[in-house]
Amino acid sequence: MRDRIRRARAWWAELQKQRRRRGWTLPFDLGSSATRMVAVLLLFLVGLAGLFTWSLRSLDPVATGRDTSLGEVIRQASAGQVGAVTLHDRDHRMTGRLKSGQ
């Protein structure tokens, strides 16, 4: 087992030497703890941005339609034109349909 590890390390070291000879190097050291910390922080930042976007999406209105005042809804309800109305308590909206289909 130790021999396999030794050969794998030698193979990796030779691969790195060839890579450096060709002139292709990374601008940062992947083995340093500072680089790993920056990578973790960037990953955390991406996660927070995704969570923020998702939370903003959940705050969108329940339904689309036209804005109507409460007085207008009450007037149409007393005239018998309202088919159904739902009061959404958390976002302070009402959605409904008139009997005419609007």
C-alpha atoms as a PDB file:
ATOM      1  CA  MET A   1       0.000   0.000   0.000  1.00  0.00           C
ATOM      2  CA  ARG A   2       2.813   2.422   0.868  1.00  0.00           C
ATOM      3  CA  ASP A   3       4.454   1.637  -2.449  1.00  0.00           C
ATOM      4  CA  ARG A   4       1.261   2.592  -4.326  1.00  0.00           C
ATOM      5  CA  ILE A   5       1.049   5.881  -2.452  1.00  0.00           C
ATOM      6  CA  ARG A   6       4.711   6.598  -3.137  1.00  0.00           C
ATOM      7  CA  ARG A   7       4.267   5.862  -6.856  1.00  0.00           C
ATOM      8  CA  ALA A   8       1.119   8.013  -7.007  1.00  0.00           C
ATOM      9  CA  ARG A   9       2.946  10.933  -5.371  1.00  0.00           C
ATOM     10  CA  ALA A  10       5.882  10.530  -7.758  1.00  0.00           C
ATOM     11  CA  TRP A  11       3.495  10.404 -10.727  1.00  0.00           C
ATOM     12  CA  TRP A  12       1.729  13.574  -9.505  1.00  0.00           C
ATOM     13  CA  ALA A  13       5.028  15.378  -8.939  1.00  0.00           C
ATOM     14  CA  GLU A  14       6.204  14.469 -12.441  1.00  0.00           C
ATOM     15  CA  LEU A  15       2.895  15.629 -13.900  1.00  0.00           C
ATOM     16  CA  GLN A  16       3.263  18.955 -12.097  1.00  0.00           C
ATOM     17  CA  LYS A  17       6.836  19.377 -13.374  1.00  0.00           C
ATOM     18  CA  GLN A  18       5.679  18.794 -16.947  1.00  0.00           C
ATOM     19  CA  ARG A  19       2.832  21.255 -16.487  1.00  0.00           C
ATOM     20  CA  ARG A  20       5.190  23.929 -15.174  1.00  0.00           C
ATOM     21  CA  ARG A  21       7.636  23.309 -18.017  1.00  0.00           C
ATOM     22  CA  ARG A  22       4.882  23.964 -20.533  1.00  0.00           C
ATOM     23  CA  GLY A  23       4.254  27.274 -18.783  1.00  0.00           C
ATOM     24  CA  TRP A  24       0.690  26.615 -17.660  1.00  0.00           C
ATOM     25  CA  THR A  25       0.251  27.491 -13.994  1.00  0.00           C
ATOM     26  CA  LEU A  26      -2.637  28.625 -11.880  1.00  0.00           C
ATOM     27  CA  PRO A  27      -2.489  32.161 -10.506  1.00  0.00           C
ATOM     28  CA  PHE A  28      -3.096  30.799  -6.987  1.00  0.00           C
ATOM     29  CA  ASP A  29      -1.919  27.892  -4.891  1.00  0.00           C
ATOM     30  CA  LEU A  30      -4.681  25.326  -4.399  1.00  0.00           C
ATOM     31  CA  GLY A  31      -2.835  23.802  -1.465  1.00  0.00           C
ATOM     32  CA  SER A  32      -2.823  26.880   0.750  1.00  0.00           C
ATOM     33  CA  SER A  33      -5.362  27.286   3.533  1.00  0.00           C
ATOM     34  CA  ALA A  34      -6.090  30.881   2.496  1.00  0.00           C
ATOM     35  CA  THR A  35      -7.173  29.746  -0.965  1.00  0.00           C
ATOM     36  CA  ARG A  36      -9.426  27.080   0.502  1.00  0.00           C
ATOM     37  CA  MET A  37     -10.965  29.661   2.855  1.00  0.00           C
ATOM     38  CA  VAL A  38     -11.676  32.030  -0.046  1.00  0.00           C
ATOM     39  CA  ALA A  39     -13.248  29.175  -2.023  1.00  0.00           C
ATOM     40  CA  VAL A  40     -15.484  28.252   0.926  1.00  0.00           C
ATOM     41  CA  LEU A  41     -16.499  31.878   1.441  1.00  0.00           C
ATOM     42  CA  LEU A  42     -17.322  32.296  -2.255  1.00  0.00           C
ATOM     43  CA  LEU A  43     -19.406  29.131  -2.189  1.00  0.00           C
ATOM     44  CA  PHE A  44     -21.199  30.411   0.920  1.00  0.00           C
ATOM     45  CA  LEU A  45     -21.820  33.757  -0.817  1.00  0.00           C
ATOM     46  CA  VAL A  46     -23.344  32.016  -3.840  1.00  0.00           C
ATOM     47  CA  GLY A  47     -25.580  30.017  -1.502  1.00  0.00           C
ATOM     48  CA  LEU A  48     -26.727  33.171   0.278  1.00  0.00           C
ATOM     49  CA  ALA A  49     -27.449  34.874  -3.044  1.00  0.00           C
ATOM     50  CA  GLY A  50     -29.570  31.897  -4.089  1.00  0.00           C
ATOM     51  CA  LEU A  51     -31.441  31.931  -0.785  1.00  0.00           C
ATOM     52  CA  PHE A  52     -32.039  35.679  -1.111  1.00  0.00           C
ATOM     53  CA  THR A  53     -33.384  35.272  -4.654  1.00  0.00           C
ATOM     54  CA  TRP A  54     -35.670  32.438  -3.565  1.00  0.00           C
ATOM     55  CA  SER A  55     -36.992  34.471  -0.621  1.00  0.00           C
ATOM     56  CA  LEU A  56     -37.750  37.456  -2.857  1.00  0.00           C
ATOM     57  CA  ARG A  57     -39.619  35.152  -5.231  1.00  0.00           C
ATOM     58  CA  SER A  58     -41.794  33.939  -2.361  1.00  0.00           C
ATOM     59  CA  LEU A  59     -42.876  37.532  -1.646  1.00  0.00           C
ATOM     60  CA  ASP A  60     -44.486  37.980  -5.062  1.00  0.00           C
ATOM     61  CA  PRO A  61     -48.246  38.583  -5.123  1.00  0.00           C
ATOM     62  CA  VAL A  62     -50.568  35.600  -5.059  1.00  0.00           C
ATOM     63  CA  ALA A  63     -52.331  36.433  -8.315  1.00  0.00           C
ATOM     64  CA  THR A  64     -52.237  38.974 -11.070  1.00  0.00           C
ATOM     65  CA  GLY A  65     -55.145  41.110 -12.135  1.00  0.00           C
ATOM     66  CA  ARG A  66     -56.354  44.640 -11.910  1.00  0.00           C
ATOM     67  CA  ASP A  67     -56.324  46.764  -8.773  1.00  0.00           C
ATOM     68  CA  THR A  68     -59.742  47.625  -7.391  1.00  0.00           C
ATOM     69  CA  SER A  69     -60.625  49.576  -4.306  1.00  0.00           C
ATOM     70  CA  LEU A  70     -62.448  47.960  -1.402  1.00  0.00           C
ATOM     71  CA  GLY A  71     -65.414  50.255  -2.013  1.00  0.00           C
ATOM     72  CA  GLU A  72     -65.686  48.990  -5.588  1.00  0.00           C
ATOM     73  CA  VAL A  73     -65.664  45.358  -4.416  1.00  0.00           C
ATOM     74  CA  ILE A  74     -68.333  46.076  -1.791  1.00  0.00           C
ATOM     75  CA  ARG A  75     -70.461  47.925  -4.351  1.00  0.00           C
ATOM     76  CA  GLN A  76     -70.233  45.025  -6.837  1.00  0.00           C
ATOM     77  CA  ALA A  77     -70.954  42.496  -4.065  1.00  0.00           C
ATOM     78  CA  SER A  78     -74.092  44.364  -3.002  1.00  0.00           C
ATOM     79  CA  ALA A  79     -75.193  44.408  -6.643  1.00  0.00           C
ATOM     80  CA  GLY A  80     -74.721  40.614  -6.786  1.00  0.00           C
ATOM     81  CA  GLN A  81     -71.953  40.727  -9.395  1.00  0.00           C
ATOM     82  CA  VAL A  82     -69.221  39.025  -7.320  1.00  0.00           C
ATOM     83  CA  GLY A  83     -68.871  35.280  -7.770  1.00  0.00           C
ATOM     84  CA  ALA A  84     -66.185  34.541  -5.166  1.00  0.00           C
ATOM     85  CA  VAL A  85     -63.633  36.524  -3.163  1.00  0.00           C
ATOM     86  CA  THR A  86     -60.644  35.216  -1.196  1.00  0.00           C
ATOM     87  CA  LEU A  87     -58.934  37.389   1.407  1.00  0.00           C
ATOM     88  CA  HIS A  88     -55.184  36.673   1.627  1.00  0.00           C
ATOM     89  CA  ASP A  89     -54.341  37.766   5.146  1.00  0.00           C
ATOM     90  CA  ARG A  90     -50.534  37.694   4.988  1.00  0.00           C
ATOM     91  CA  ASP A  91     -50.073  39.861   1.924  1.00  0.00           C
ATOM     92  CA  HIS A  92     -53.178  42.063   2.494  1.00  0.00           C
ATOM     93  CA  ARG A  93     -54.787  41.260  -0.844  1.00  0.00           C
ATOM     94  CA  MET A  94     -58.112  40.030  -2.106  1.00  0.00           C
ATOM     95  CA  THR A  95     -58.545  37.915  -5.176  1.00  0.00           C
ATOM     96  CA  GLY A  96     -61.845  37.063  -6.722  1.00  0.00           C
ATOM     97  CA  ARG A  97     -63.948  36.641  -9.796  1.00  0.00           C
ATOM     98  CA  LEU A  98     -66.976  38.486 -10.952  1.00  0.00           C
ATOM     99  CA  LYS A  99     -69.949  36.533 -12.234  1.00  0.00           C
ATOM    100  CA  SER A 100     -69.232  38.033 -15.649  1.00  0.00           C
ATOM    101  CA  GLY A 101     -65.889  36.140 -15.679  1.00  0.00           C
ATOM    102  CA  GLN A 102     -63.512  39.046 -15.071  1.00  0.00           C
END
